[in-house]
Amino acid sequence: MRSKPAFLMLEYAPGECAQVDWGSFGSITVGSPRRRLSFFVMVLAHSRLMYVEFTVAEGMEQFLSCHCHAFEFIGGVSEKVMIDNLKVGVLLHPAGEPACFHPRYLDLAAHCGFRPVACNVPKG
């Protein structure tokens, strides 16, 4: 008999959790140089409502402003926001230990009223 890989189905209540990540969408010409085109995505875990914003950088300013734009689009803030150990939000996350979040991300979380959660290493 062949074994099947095990996985865990996650279920969330409305407003409980949003999931955030960056993605890449090729490149775009900005003036004369070509720039990498990235996108920020926030997905509500219960409804799967998705917010996507394209940027030419994945820095802290973009990360924080994209969160604010997503919350405005959604019309509220989830209790927690899960991120896949993005360097812009998570400074350090040793396996089996709690994550150390960037202080500016923690400031945004306190201001908006969500709890940041980093995915287990290396399982996004």
PDB file of N, CA and C in Angstrom:
ATOM      1  N   MET A   1       0.831  -1.169   0.000  1.00  0.00           N
ATOM      2  CA  MET A   1       0.000   0.000   0.000  1.00  0.00           C
ATOM      3  C   MET A   1       0.891   1.253   0.000  1.00  0.00           C
ATOM      4  N   ARG A   2       0.565   2.212  -0.886  1.00  0.00           N
ATOM      5  CA  ARG A   2       1.332   3.451  -0.959  1.00  0.00           C
ATOM      6  C   ARG A   2       0.846   4.441   0.089  1.00  0.00           C
ATOM      7  N   SER A   3       1.793   5.099   0.712  1.00  0.00           N
ATOM      8  CA  SER A   3       1.396   6.123   1.689  1.00  0.00           C
ATOM      9  C   SER A   3       1.166   7.444   0.973  1.00  0.00           C
ATOM     10  N   LYS A   4       0.256   8.210   1.514  1.00  0.00           N
ATOM     11  CA  LYS A   4      -0.043   9.517   0.958  1.00  0.00           C
ATOM     12  C   LYS A   4       0.542  10.581   1.873  1.00  0.00           C
ATOM     13  N   PRO A   5       1.023  11.684   1.299  1.00  0.00           N
ATOM     14  CA  PRO A   5       1.554  12.745   2.160  1.00  0.00           C
ATOM     15  C   PRO A   5       0.449  13.339   3.026  1.00  0.00           C
ATOM     16  N   ALA A   6       0.780  13.578   4.268  1.00  0.00           N
ATOM     17  CA  ALA A   6      -0.194  14.148   5.207  1.00  0.00           C
ATOM     18  C   ALA A   6      -0.171  15.667   5.119  1.00  0.00           C
ATOM     19  N   PHE A   7      -1.310  16.278   5.303  1.00  0.00           N
ATOM     20  CA  PHE A   7      -1.383  17.729   5.376  1.00  0.00           C
ATOM     21  C   PHE A   7      -2.497  18.111   6.330  1.00  0.00           C
ATOM     22  N   LEU A   8      -2.429  19.325   6.795  1.00  0.00           N
ATOM     23  CA  LEU A   8      -3.376  19.825   7.781  1.00  0.00           C
ATOM     24  C   LEU A   8      -4.271  20.866   7.119  1.00  0.00           C
ATOM     25  N   MET A   9      -5.572  20.672   7.184  1.00  0.00           N
ATOM     26  CA  MET A   9      -6.520  21.652   6.671  1.00  0.00           C
ATOM     27  C   MET A   9      -6.716  22.716   7.752  1.00  0.00           C
ATOM     28  N   LEU A  10      -6.483  23.961   7.395  1.00  0.00           N
ATOM     29  CA  LEU A  10      -6.645  25.052   8.342  1.00  0.00           C
ATOM     30  C   LEU A  10      -7.971  25.751   8.082  1.00  0.00           C
ATOM     31  N   GLU A  11      -8.706  26.008   9.141  1.00  0.00           N
ATOM     32  CA  GLU A  11      -9.966  26.736   9.031  1.00  0.00           C
ATOM     33  C   GLU A  11      -9.906  27.930   9.968  1.00  0.00           C
ATOM     34  N   TYR A  12     -10.395  29.058   9.481  1.00  0.00           N
ATOM     35  CA  TYR A  12     -10.360  30.297  10.248  1.00  0.00           C
ATOM     36  C   TYR A  12     -11.743  30.918  10.290  1.00  0.00           C
ATOM     37  N   ALA A  13     -12.047  31.578  11.388  1.00  0.00           N
ATOM     38  CA  ALA A  13     -13.303  32.320  11.530  1.00  0.00           C
ATOM     39  C   ALA A  13     -13.194  33.630  10.755  1.00  0.00           C
ATOM     40  N   PRO A  14     -14.322  34.230  10.374  1.00  0.00           N
ATOM     41  CA  PRO A  14     -14.274  35.525   9.704  1.00  0.00           C
ATOM     42  C   PRO A  14     -13.525  36.556  10.562  1.00  0.00           C
ATOM     43  N   GLY A  15     -12.612  37.289   9.942  1.00  0.00           N
ATOM     44  CA  GLY A  15     -11.847  38.321  10.635  1.00  0.00           C
ATOM     45  C   GLY A  15     -10.700  37.824  11.477  1.00  0.00           C
ATOM     46  N   GLU A  16     -10.490  36.518  11.527  1.00  0.00           N
ATOM     47  CA  GLU A  16      -9.442  35.967  12.391  1.00  0.00           C
ATOM     48  C   GLU A  16      -8.044  36.149  11.813  1.00  0.00           C
ATOM     49  N   CYS A  17      -7.881  35.937  10.512  1.00  0.00           N
ATOM     50  CA  CYS A  17      -6.533  35.872   9.968  1.00  0.00           C
ATOM     51  C   CYS A  17      -6.473  36.349   8.520  1.00  0.00           C
ATOM     52  N   ALA A  18      -5.392  37.048   8.215  1.00  0.00           N
ATOM     53  CA  ALA A  18      -5.042  37.391   6.837  1.00  0.00           C
ATOM     54  C   ALA A  18      -3.642  36.850   6.594  1.00  0.00           C
ATOM     55  N   GLN A  19      -3.362  36.483   5.357  1.00  0.00           N
ATOM     56  CA  GLN A  19      -2.045  35.963   4.987  1.00  0.00           C
ATOM     57  C   GLN A  19      -1.412  36.926   3.992  1.00  0.00           C
ATOM     58  N   VAL A  20      -0.128  37.248   4.199  1.00  0.00           N
ATOM     59  CA  VAL A  20       0.573  38.248   3.403  1.00  0.00           C
ATOM     60  C   VAL A  20       1.836  37.653   2.808  1.00  0.00           C
ATOM     61  N   ASP A  21       2.148  38.055   1.577  1.00  0.00           N
ATOM     62  CA  ASP A  21       3.394  37.633   0.940  1.00  0.00           C
ATOM     63  C   ASP A  21       3.722  38.595  -0.196  1.00  0.00           C
ATOM     64  N   TRP A  22       4.960  38.509  -0.677  1.00  0.00           N
ATOM     65  CA  TRP A  22       5.404  39.203  -1.881  1.00  0.00           C
ATOM     66  C   TRP A  22       5.454  38.204  -3.021  1.00  0.00           C
ATOM     67  N   GLY A  23       5.277  38.691  -4.226  1.00  0.00           N
ATOM     68  CA  GLY A  23       5.447  37.878  -5.419  1.00  0.00           C
ATOM     69  C   GLY A  23       6.184  38.686  -6.473  1.00  0.00           C
ATOM     70  N   SER A  24       6.647  38.013  -7.510  1.00  0.00           N
ATOM     71  CA  SER A  24       7.371  38.667  -8.597  1.00  0.00           C
ATOM     72  C   SER A  24       6.566  38.546  -9.876  1.00  0.00           C
ATOM     73  N   PHE A  25       6.548  39.638 -10.667  1.00  0.00           N
ATOM     74  CA  PHE A  25       5.775  39.657 -11.903  1.00  0.00           C
ATOM     75  C   PHE A  25       6.632  40.201 -13.045  1.00  0.00           C
ATOM     76  N   GLY A  26       7.847  39.686 -13.179  1.00  0.00           N
ATOM     77  CA  GLY A  26       8.727  40.098 -14.275  1.00  0.00           C
ATOM     78  C   GLY A  26       9.331  41.459 -14.023  1.00  0.00           C
ATOM     79  N   SER A  27       9.389  42.276 -15.089  1.00  0.00           N
ATOM     80  CA  SER A  27       9.994  43.596 -14.964  1.00  0.00           C
ATOM     81  C   SER A  27       9.199  44.602 -15.784  1.00  0.00           C
ATOM     82  N   ILE A  28       9.476  45.880 -15.514  1.00  0.00           N
ATOM     83  CA  ILE A  28       8.771  46.978 -16.168  1.00  0.00           C
ATOM     84  C   ILE A  28       9.771  48.097 -16.423  1.00  0.00           C
ATOM     85  N   THR A  29       9.580  48.832 -17.493  1.00  0.00           N
ATOM     86  CA  THR A  29      10.434  49.978 -17.785  1.00  0.00           C
ATOM     87  C   THR A  29       9.920  51.179 -17.001  1.00  0.00           C
ATOM     88  N   VAL A  30      10.819  51.774 -16.213  1.00  0.00           N
ATOM     89  CA  VAL A  30      10.513  52.980 -15.452  1.00  0.00           C
ATOM     90  C   VAL A  30      11.541  54.016 -15.877  1.00  0.00           C
ATOM     91  N   GLY A  31      11.131  54.977 -16.717  1.00  0.00           N
ATOM     92  CA  GLY A  31      12.113  55.882 -17.313  1.00  0.00           C
ATOM     93  C   GLY A  31      12.911  55.097 -18.331  1.00  0.00           C
ATOM     94  N   SER A  32      14.232  55.097 -18.185  1.00  0.00           N
ATOM     95  CA  SER A  32      15.046  54.298 -19.110  1.00  0.00           C
ATOM     96  C   SER A  32      15.420  52.920 -18.558  1.00  0.00           C
ATOM     97  N   PRO A  33      15.599  52.744 -17.239  1.00  0.00           N
ATOM     98  CA  PRO A  33      15.965  51.396 -16.769  1.00  0.00           C
ATOM     99  C   PRO A  33      14.749  50.474 -16.635  1.00  0.00           C
ATOM    100  N   ARG A  34      15.026  49.191 -16.685  1.00  0.00           N
ATOM    101  CA  ARG A  34      13.994  48.193 -16.384  1.00  0.00           C
ATOM    102  C   ARG A  34      14.093  47.884 -14.904  1.00  0.00           C
ATOM    103  N   ARG A  35      12.940  47.757 -14.270  1.00  0.00           N
ATOM    104  CA  ARG A  35      12.888  47.479 -12.842  1.00  0.00           C
ATOM    105  C   ARG A  35      12.096  46.211 -12.608  1.00  0.00           C
ATOM    106  N   ARG A  36      12.465  45.489 -11.571  1.00  0.00           N
ATOM    107  CA  ARG A  36      11.705  44.308 -11.170  1.00  0.00           C
ATOM    108  C   ARG A  36      10.313  44.758 -10.719  1.00  0.00           C
ATOM    109  N   LEU A  37       9.301  44.056 -11.164  1.00  0.00           N
ATOM    110  CA  LEU A  37       7.927  44.371 -10.766  1.00  0.00           C
ATOM    111  C   LEU A  37       7.484  43.327  -9.747  1.00  0.00           C
ATOM    112  N   SER A  38       7.198  43.793  -8.550  1.00  0.00           N
ATOM    113  CA  SER A  38       6.772  42.914  -7.461  1.00  0.00           C
ATOM    114  C   SER A  38       5.306  43.182  -7.161  1.00  0.00           C
ATOM    115  N   PHE A  39       4.703  42.258  -6.432  1.00  0.00           N
ATOM    116  CA  PHE A  39       3.354  42.521  -5.947  1.00  0.00           C
ATOM    117  C   PHE A  39       3.225  42.044  -4.516  1.00  0.00           C
ATOM    118  N   PHE A  40       2.466  42.825  -3.767  1.00  0.00           N
ATOM    119  CA  PHE A  40       2.099  42.516  -2.388  1.00  0.00           C
ATOM    120  C   PHE A  40       0.721  41.883  -2.462  1.00  0.00           C
ATOM    121  N   VAL A  41       0.521  40.809  -1.731  1.00  0.00           N
ATOM    122  CA  VAL A  41      -0.801  40.179  -1.706  1.00  0.00           C
ATOM    123  C   VAL A  41      -1.207  39.897  -0.270  1.00  0.00           C
ATOM    124  N   MET A  42      -2.459  40.264   0.050  1.00  0.00           N
ATOM    125  CA  MET A  42      -3.064  39.924   1.336  1.00  0.00           C
ATOM    126  C   MET A  42      -4.341  39.154   1.025  1.00  0.00           C
ATOM    127  N   VAL A  43      -4.481  37.984   1.641  1.00  0.00           N
ATOM    128  CA  VAL A  43      -5.656  37.137   1.429  1.00  0.00           C
ATOM    129  C   VAL A  43      -6.304  36.874   2.780  1.00  0.00           C
ATOM    130  N   LEU A  44      -7.604  37.128   2.867  1.00  0.00           N
ATOM    131  CA  LEU A  44      -8.323  36.794   4.093  1.00  0.00           C
ATOM    132  C   LEU A  44      -8.493  35.284   4.151  1.00  0.00           C
ATOM    133  N   ALA A  45      -8.088  34.690   5.248  1.00  0.00           N
ATOM    134  CA  ALA A  45      -8.046  33.233   5.361  1.00  0.00           C
ATOM    135  C   ALA A  45      -9.436  32.597   5.307  1.00  0.00           C
ATOM    136  N   HIS A  46     -10.454  33.265   5.799  1.00  0.00           N
ATOM    137  CA  HIS A  46     -11.795  32.674   5.796  1.00  0.00           C
ATOM    138  C   HIS A  46     -12.486  32.827   4.442  1.00  0.00           C
ATOM    139  N   SER A  47     -12.603  34.048   3.959  1.00  0.00           N
ATOM    140  CA  SER A  47     -13.364  34.305   2.722  1.00  0.00           C
ATOM    141  C   SER A  47     -12.523  34.161   1.460  1.00  0.00           C
ATOM    142  N   ARG A  48     -11.201  34.202   1.594  1.00  0.00           N
ATOM    143  CA  ARG A  48     -10.255  34.176   0.478  1.00  0.00           C
ATOM    144  C   ARG A  48     -10.304  35.466  -0.339  1.00  0.00           C
ATOM    145  N   LEU A  49     -10.916  36.529   0.197  1.00  0.00           N
ATOM    146  CA  LEU A  49     -10.884  37.832  -0.447  1.00  0.00           C
ATOM    147  C   LEU A  49      -9.427  38.250  -0.576  1.00  0.00           C
ATOM    148  N   MET A  50      -9.054  38.725  -1.758  1.00  0.00           N
ATOM    149  CA  MET A  50      -7.651  39.012  -2.039  1.00  0.00           C
ATOM    150  C   MET A  50      -7.452  40.481  -2.410  1.00  0.00           C
ATOM    151  N   TYR A  51      -6.378  41.063  -1.876  1.00  0.00           N
ATOM    152  CA  TYR A  51      -5.934  42.398  -2.250  1.00  0.00           C
ATOM    153  C   TYR A  51      -4.548  42.250  -2.851  1.00  0.00           C
ATOM    154  N   VAL A  52      -4.331  42.842  -4.027  1.00  0.00           N
ATOM    155  CA  VAL A  52      -3.026  42.797  -4.685  1.00  0.00           C
ATOM    156  C   VAL A  52      -2.616  44.218  -5.050  1.00  0.00           C
ATOM    157  N   GLU A  53      -1.349  44.558  -4.774  1.00  0.00           N
ATOM    158  CA  GLU A  53      -0.798  45.865  -5.142  1.00  0.00           C
ATOM    159  C   GLU A  53       0.581  45.663  -5.759  1.00  0.00           C
ATOM    160  N   PHE A  54       0.786  46.242  -6.938  1.00  0.00           N
ATOM    161  CA  PHE A  54       2.070  46.137  -7.625  1.00  0.00           C
ATOM    162  C   PHE A  54       2.995  47.252  -7.179  1.00  0.00           C
ATOM    163  N   THR A  55       4.284  46.918  -7.017  1.00  0.00           N
ATOM    164  CA  THR A  55       5.306  47.880  -6.610  1.00  0.00           C
ATOM    165  C   THR A  55       6.599  47.588  -7.375  1.00  0.00           C
ATOM    166  N   VAL A  56       7.514  48.552  -7.364  1.00  0.00           N
ATOM    167  CA  VAL A  56       8.836  48.319  -7.960  1.00  0.00           C
ATOM    168  C   VAL A  56       9.894  48.141  -6.878  1.00  0.00           C
ATOM    169  N   ALA A  57       9.450  47.940  -5.636  1.00  0.00           N
ATOM    170  CA  ALA A  57      10.373  47.683  -4.527  1.00  0.00           C
ATOM    171  C   ALA A  57       9.647  46.870  -3.456  1.00  0.00           C
ATOM    172  N   GLU A  58      10.433  46.154  -2.655  1.00  0.00           N
ATOM    173  CA  GLU A  58       9.883  45.349  -1.560  1.00  0.00           C
ATOM    174  C   GLU A  58      10.446  45.819  -0.226  1.00  0.00           C
ATOM    175  N   GLY A  59      10.608  47.129  -0.083  1.00  0.00           N
ATOM    176  CA  GLY A  59      11.175  47.692   1.132  1.00  0.00           C
ATOM    177  C   GLY A  59      10.127  47.890   2.222  1.00  0.00           C
ATOM    178  N   MET A  60      10.588  48.410   3.356  1.00  0.00           N
ATOM    179  CA  MET A  60       9.721  48.612   4.502  1.00  0.00           C
ATOM    180  C   MET A  60       8.587  49.574   4.193  1.00  0.00           C
ATOM    181  N   GLU A  61       8.886  50.686   3.502  1.00  0.00           N
ATOM    182  CA  GLU A  61       7.833  51.668   3.202  1.00  0.00           C
ATOM    183  C   GLU A  61       6.719  51.034   2.381  1.00  0.00           C
ATOM    184  N   GLN A  62       7.082  50.261   1.365  1.00  0.00           N
ATOM    185  CA  GLN A  62       6.077  49.593   0.537  1.00  0.00           C
ATOM    186  C   GLN A  62       5.304  48.568   1.361  1.00  0.00           C
ATOM    187  N   PHE A  63       6.013  47.812   2.181  1.00  0.00           N
ATOM    188  CA  PHE A  63       5.401  46.769   2.993  1.00  0.00           C
ATOM    189  C   PHE A  63       4.337  47.350   3.919  1.00  0.00           C
ATOM    190  N   LEU A  64       4.685  48.424   4.617  1.00  0.00           N
ATOM    191  CA  LEU A  64       3.752  49.036   5.563  1.00  0.00           C
ATOM    192  C   LEU A  64       2.589  49.712   4.838  1.00  0.00           C
ATOM    193  N   SER A  65       2.885  50.455   3.782  1.00  0.00           N
ATOM    194  CA  SER A  65       1.794  51.146   3.081  1.00  0.00           C
ATOM    195  C   SER A  65       0.869  50.158   2.386  1.00  0.00           C
ATOM    196  N   CYS A  66       1.397  49.054   1.875  1.00  0.00           N
ATOM    197  CA  CYS A  66       0.540  48.035   1.254  1.00  0.00           C
ATOM    198  C   CYS A  66      -0.408  47.423   2.285  1.00  0.00           C
ATOM    199  N   HIS A  67       0.074  47.196   3.506  1.00  0.00           N
ATOM    200  CA  HIS A  67      -0.819  46.708   4.576  1.00  0.00           C
ATOM    201  C   HIS A  67      -1.970  47.696   4.776  1.00  0.00           C
ATOM    202  N   CYS A  68      -1.636  48.988   4.895  1.00  0.00           N
ATOM    203  CA  CYS A  68      -2.667  50.008   5.128  1.00  0.00           C
ATOM    204  C   CYS A  68      -3.664  50.056   3.983  1.00  0.00           C
ATOM    205  N   HIS A  69      -3.159  49.997   2.743  1.00  0.00           N
ATOM    206  CA  HIS A  69      -4.051  50.002   1.579  1.00  0.00           C
ATOM    207  C   HIS A  69      -4.948  48.764   1.574  1.00  0.00           C
ATOM    208  N   ALA A  70      -4.391  47.621   1.948  1.00  0.00           N
ATOM    209  CA  ALA A  70      -5.175  46.374   1.985  1.00  0.00           C
ATOM    210  C   ALA A  70      -6.276  46.463   3.042  1.00  0.00           C
ATOM    211  N   PHE A  71      -5.955  46.967   4.230  1.00  0.00           N
ATOM    212  CA  PHE A  71      -6.956  47.091   5.283  1.00  0.00           C
ATOM    213  C   PHE A  71      -8.072  48.052   4.857  1.00  0.00           C
ATOM    214  N   GLU A  72      -7.691  49.123   4.164  1.00  0.00           N
ATOM    215  CA  GLU A  72      -8.690  50.072   3.670  1.00  0.00           C
ATOM    216  C   GLU A  72      -9.595  49.398   2.639  1.00  0.00           C
ATOM    217  N   PHE A  73      -8.991  48.637   1.720  1.00  0.00           N
ATOM    218  CA  PHE A  73      -9.761  47.933   0.696  1.00  0.00           C
ATOM    219  C   PHE A  73     -10.721  46.919   1.320  1.00  0.00           C
ATOM    220  N   ILE A  74     -10.211  46.174   2.298  1.00  0.00           N
ATOM    221  CA  ILE A  74     -10.998  45.123   2.949  1.00  0.00           C
ATOM    222  C   ILE A  74     -12.090  45.724   3.839  1.00  0.00           C
ATOM    223  N   GLY A  75     -11.808  46.890   4.391  1.00  0.00           N
ATOM    224  CA  GLY A  75     -12.780  47.538   5.269  1.00  0.00           C
ATOM    225  C   GLY A  75     -12.607  47.167   6.724  1.00  0.00           C
ATOM    226  N   GLY A  76     -11.405  46.745   7.093  1.00  0.00           N
ATOM    227  CA  GLY A  76     -11.135  46.378   8.479  1.00  0.00           C
ATOM    228  C   GLY A  76      -9.787  45.701   8.600  1.00  0.00           C
ATOM    229  N   VAL A  77      -9.491  45.273   9.809  1.00  0.00           N
ATOM    230  CA  VAL A  77      -8.207  44.641  10.133  1.00  0.00           C
ATOM    231  C   VAL A  77      -8.470  43.288  10.771  1.00  0.00           C
ATOM    232  N   SER A  78      -7.784  42.256  10.294  1.00  0.00           N
ATOM    233  CA  SER A  78      -7.939  40.930  10.884  1.00  0.00           C
ATOM    234  C   SER A  78      -7.230  40.880  12.240  1.00  0.00           C
ATOM    235  N   GLU A  79      -7.601  39.901  13.062  1.00  0.00           N
ATOM    236  CA  GLU A  79      -6.984  39.743  14.385  1.00  0.00           C
ATOM    237  C   GLU A  79      -5.494  39.464  14.271  1.00  0.00           C
ATOM    238  N   LYS A  80      -5.121  38.637  13.287  1.00  0.00           N
ATOM    239  CA  LYS A  80      -3.703  38.341  13.088  1.00  0.00           C
ATOM    240  C   LYS A  80      -3.383  38.372  11.600  1.00  0.00           C
ATOM    241  N   VAL A  81      -2.100  38.654  11.326  1.00  0.00           N
ATOM    242  CA  VAL A  81      -1.592  38.654   9.958  1.00  0.00           C
ATOM    243  C   VAL A  81      -0.414  37.695   9.921  1.00  0.00           C
ATOM    244  N   MET A  82      -0.536  36.663   9.082  1.00  0.00           N
ATOM    245  CA  MET A  82       0.527  35.664   8.942  1.00  0.00           C
ATOM    246  C   MET A  82       1.436  36.057   7.785  1.00  0.00           C
ATOM    247  N   ILE A  83       2.753  36.077   8.051  1.00  0.00           N
ATOM    248  CA  ILE A  83       3.714  36.351   6.993  1.00  0.00           C
ATOM    249  C   ILE A  83       4.703  35.199   6.916  1.00  0.00           C
ATOM    250  N   ASP A  84       5.192  34.967   5.722  1.00  0.00           N
ATOM    251  CA  ASP A  84       6.069  33.831   5.451  1.00  0.00           C
ATOM    252  C   ASP A  84       7.535  34.186   5.703  1.00  0.00           C
ATOM    253  N   ASN A  85       7.843  34.680   6.912  1.00  0.00           N
ATOM    254  CA  ASN A  85       9.207  35.019   7.310  1.00  0.00           C
ATOM    255  C   ASN A  85       9.874  35.975   6.329  1.00  0.00           C
ATOM    256  N   LEU A  86       9.104  36.924   5.809  1.00  0.00           N
ATOM    257  CA  LEU A  86       9.641  37.929   4.901  1.00  0.00           C
ATOM    258  C   LEU A  86      10.698  38.745   5.626  1.00  0.00           C
ATOM    259  N   LYS A  87      11.836  38.966   4.980  1.00  0.00           N
ATOM    260  CA  LYS A  87      12.935  39.684   5.629  1.00  0.00           C
ATOM    261  C   LYS A  87      12.541  41.085   6.071  1.00  0.00           C
ATOM    262  N   VAL A  88      11.625  41.700   5.352  1.00  0.00           N
ATOM    263  CA  VAL A  88      11.210  43.046   5.702  1.00  0.00           C
ATOM    264  C   VAL A  88      10.394  43.067   7.005  1.00  0.00           C
ATOM    265  N   GLY A  89       9.764  41.975   7.370  1.00  0.00           N
ATOM    266  CA  GLY A  89       8.951  41.925   8.579  1.00  0.00           C
ATOM    267  C   GLY A  89       9.538  41.110   9.713  1.00  0.00           C
ATOM    268  N   VAL A  90      10.318  40.078   9.369  1.00  0.00           N
ATOM    269  CA  VAL A  90      10.884  39.173  10.376  1.00  0.00           C
ATOM    270  C   VAL A  90      12.404  39.295  10.363  1.00  0.00           C
ATOM    271  N   LEU A  91      12.971  39.744  11.478  1.00  0.00           N
ATOM    272  CA  LEU A  91      14.418  39.896  11.564  1.00  0.00           C
ATOM    273  C   LEU A  91      15.118  38.561  11.776  1.00  0.00           C
ATOM    274  N   LEU A  92      14.501  37.693  12.566  1.00  0.00           N
ATOM    275  CA  LEU A  92      15.114  36.415  12.924  1.00  0.00           C
ATOM    276  C   LEU A  92      14.019  35.452  13.338  1.00  0.00           C
ATOM    277  N   HIS A  93      14.139  34.197  12.901  1.00  0.00           N
ATOM    278  CA  HIS A  93      13.165  33.183  13.309  1.00  0.00           C
ATOM    279  C   HIS A  93      13.846  31.817  13.341  1.00  0.00           C
ATOM    280  N   PRO A  94      14.587  31.534  14.421  1.00  0.00           N
ATOM    281  CA  PRO A  94      15.215  30.225  14.536  1.00  0.00           C
ATOM    282  C   PRO A  94      14.153  29.128  14.621  1.00  0.00           C
ATOM    283  N   ALA A  95      14.412  27.988  13.995  1.00  0.00           N
ATOM    284  CA  ALA A  95      13.466  26.867  14.011  1.00  0.00           C
ATOM    285  C   ALA A  95      13.100  26.515  15.449  1.00  0.00           C
ATOM    286  N   GLY A  96      11.810  26.399  15.696  1.00  0.00           N
ATOM    287  CA  GLY A  96      11.320  26.029  17.014  1.00  0.00           C
ATOM    288  C   GLY A  96      11.264  27.168  18.020  1.00  0.00           C
ATOM    289  N   GLU A  97      11.665  28.365  17.604  1.00  0.00           N
ATOM    290  CA  GLU A  97      11.684  29.528  18.496  1.00  0.00           C
ATOM    291  C   GLU A  97      10.690  30.574  17.994  1.00  0.00           C
ATOM    292  N   PRO A  98      10.290  31.502  18.867  1.00  0.00           N
ATOM    293  CA  PRO A  98       9.420  32.587  18.406  1.00  0.00           C
ATOM    294  C   PRO A  98      10.164  33.507  17.438  1.00  0.00           C
ATOM    295  N   ALA A  99       9.423  34.111  16.541  1.00  0.00           N
ATOM    296  CA  ALA A  99      10.012  35.038  15.570  1.00  0.00           C
ATOM    297  C   ALA A  99      10.312  36.372  16.234  1.00  0.00           C
ATOM    298  N   CYS A 100      11.350  37.036  15.747  1.00  0.00           N
ATOM    299  CA  CYS A 100      11.695  38.398  16.164  1.00  0.00           C
ATOM    300  C   CYS A 100      11.291  39.318  15.003  1.00  0.00           C
ATOM    301  N   PHE A 101      10.247  40.127  15.211  1.00  0.00           N
ATOM    302  CA  PHE A 101       9.718  40.993  14.167  1.00  0.00           C
ATOM    303  C   PHE A 101      10.434  42.341  14.143  1.00  0.00           C
ATOM    304  N   HIS A 102      10.457  42.947  12.974  1.00  0.00           N
ATOM    305  CA  HIS A 102      11.038  44.279  12.815  1.00  0.00           C
ATOM    306  C   HIS A 102      10.228  45.255  13.676  1.00  0.00           C
ATOM    307  N   PRO A 103      10.892  46.147  14.412  1.00  0.00           N
ATOM    308  CA  PRO A 103      10.175  47.083  15.287  1.00  0.00           C
ATOM    309  C   PRO A 103       9.158  47.953  14.544  1.00  0.00           C
ATOM    310  N   ARG A 104       9.440  48.342  13.319  1.00  0.00           N
ATOM    311  CA  ARG A 104       8.479  49.165  12.570  1.00  0.00           C
ATOM    312  C   ARG A 104       7.234  48.361  12.206  1.00  0.00           C
ATOM    313  N   TYR A 105       7.411  47.067  11.960  1.00  0.00           N
ATOM    314  CA  TYR A 105       6.247  46.220  11.680  1.00  0.00           C
ATOM    315  C   TYR A 105       5.413  46.049  12.955  1.00  0.00           C
ATOM    316  N   LEU A 106       6.083  45.887  14.082  1.00  0.00           N
ATOM    317  CA  LEU A 106       5.370  45.791  15.356  1.00  0.00           C
ATOM    318  C   LEU A 106       4.625  47.089  15.668  1.00  0.00           C
ATOM    319  N   ASP A 107       5.217  48.241  15.316  1.00  0.00           N
ATOM    320  CA  ASP A 107       4.536  49.521  15.505  1.00  0.00           C
ATOM    321  C   ASP A 107       3.251  49.579  14.678  1.00  0.00           C
ATOM    322  N   LEU A 108       3.328  49.140  13.405  1.00  0.00           N
ATOM    323  CA  LEU A 108       2.132  49.124  12.560  1.00  0.00           C
ATOM    324  C   LEU A 108       1.079  48.189  13.143  1.00  0.00           C
ATOM    325  N   ALA A 109       1.515  47.015  13.595  1.00  0.00           N
ATOM    326  CA  ALA A 109       0.585  46.038  14.170  1.00  0.00           C
ATOM    327  C   ALA A 109      -0.120  46.624  15.390  1.00  0.00           C
ATOM    328  N   ALA A 110       0.618  47.301  16.259  1.00  0.00           N
ATOM    329  CA  ALA A 110       0.021  47.909  17.455  1.00  0.00           C
ATOM    330  C   ALA A 110      -0.939  49.026  17.059  1.00  0.00           C
ATOM    331  N   HIS A 111      -0.541  49.829  16.090  1.00  0.00           N
ATOM    332  CA  HIS A 111      -1.385  50.947  15.640  1.00  0.00           C
ATOM    333  C   HIS A 111      -2.691  50.456  15.016  1.00  0.00           C
ATOM    334  N   CYS A 112      -2.589  49.421  14.177  1.00  0.00           N
ATOM    335  CA  CYS A 112      -3.770  48.914  13.455  1.00  0.00           C
ATOM    336  C   CYS A 112      -4.576  47.916  14.280  1.00  0.00           C
ATOM    337  N   GLY A 113      -3.918  47.248  15.236  1.00  0.00           N
ATOM    338  CA  GLY A 113      -4.628  46.311  16.098  1.00  0.00           C
ATOM    339  C   GLY A 113      -4.610  44.869  15.641  1.00  0.00           C
ATOM    340  N   PHE A 114      -3.533  44.437  14.967  1.00  0.00           N
ATOM    341  CA  PHE A 114      -3.403  43.023  14.608  1.00  0.00           C
ATOM    342  C   PHE A 114      -2.171  42.432  15.270  1.00  0.00           C
ATOM    343  N   ARG A 115      -2.147  41.121  15.343  1.00  0.00           N
ATOM    344  CA  ARG A 115      -1.000  40.390  15.894  1.00  0.00           C
ATOM    345  C   ARG A 115      -0.249  39.744  14.730  1.00  0.00           C
ATOM    346  N   PRO A 116       1.040  40.107  14.537  1.00  0.00           N
ATOM    347  CA  PRO A 116       1.796  39.457  13.467  1.00  0.00           C
ATOM    348  C   PRO A 116       2.197  38.035  13.873  1.00  0.00           C
ATOM    349  N   VAL A 117       2.133  37.125  12.915  1.00  0.00           N
ATOM    350  CA  VAL A 117       2.500  35.739  13.130  1.00  0.00           C
ATOM    351  C   VAL A 117       3.394  35.304  11.976  1.00  0.00           C
ATOM    352  N   ALA A 118       4.543  34.718  12.274  1.00  0.00           N
ATOM    353  CA  ALA A 118       5.429  34.202  11.237  1.00  0.00           C
ATOM    354  C   ALA A 118       5.177  32.707  11.070  1.00  0.00           C
ATOM    355  N   CYS A 119       5.166  32.259   9.827  1.00  0.00           N
ATOM    356  CA  CYS A 119       4.993  30.833   9.554  1.00  0.00           C
ATOM    357  C   CYS A 119       6.151  30.037  10.123  1.00  0.00           C
ATOM    358  N   ASN A 120       5.928  28.770  10.381  1.00  0.00           N
ATOM    359  CA  ASN A 120       6.999  27.910  10.864  1.00  0.00           C
ATOM    360  C   ASN A 120       8.093  27.818   9.793  1.00  0.00           C
ATOM    361  N   VAL A 121       9.319  27.718  10.254  1.00  0.00           N
ATOM    362  CA  VAL A 121      10.465  27.593   9.356  1.00  0.00           C
ATOM    363  C   VAL A 121      10.629  26.122   9.025  1.00  0.00           C
ATOM    364  N   PRO A 122      10.787  25.704   7.801  1.00  0.00           N
ATOM    365  CA  PRO A 122      10.693  26.433   6.536  1.00  0.00           C
ATOM    366  C   PRO A 122       9.355  26.194   5.849  1.00  0.00           C
ATOM    367  N   LYS A 123       8.264  26.221   6.549  1.00  0.00           N
ATOM    368  CA  LYS A 123       6.968  25.870   5.984  1.00  0.00           C
ATOM    369  C   LYS A 123       6.074  27.081   5.848  1.00  0.00           C
ATOM    370  N   GLY A 124       6.060  27.690   4.657  1.00  0.00           N
ATOM    371  CA  GLY A 124       5.218  28.851   4.406  1.00  0.00           C
ATOM    372  C   GLY A 124       3.757  28.486   4.348  1.00  0.00           C
TER     373      GLY A 124
END
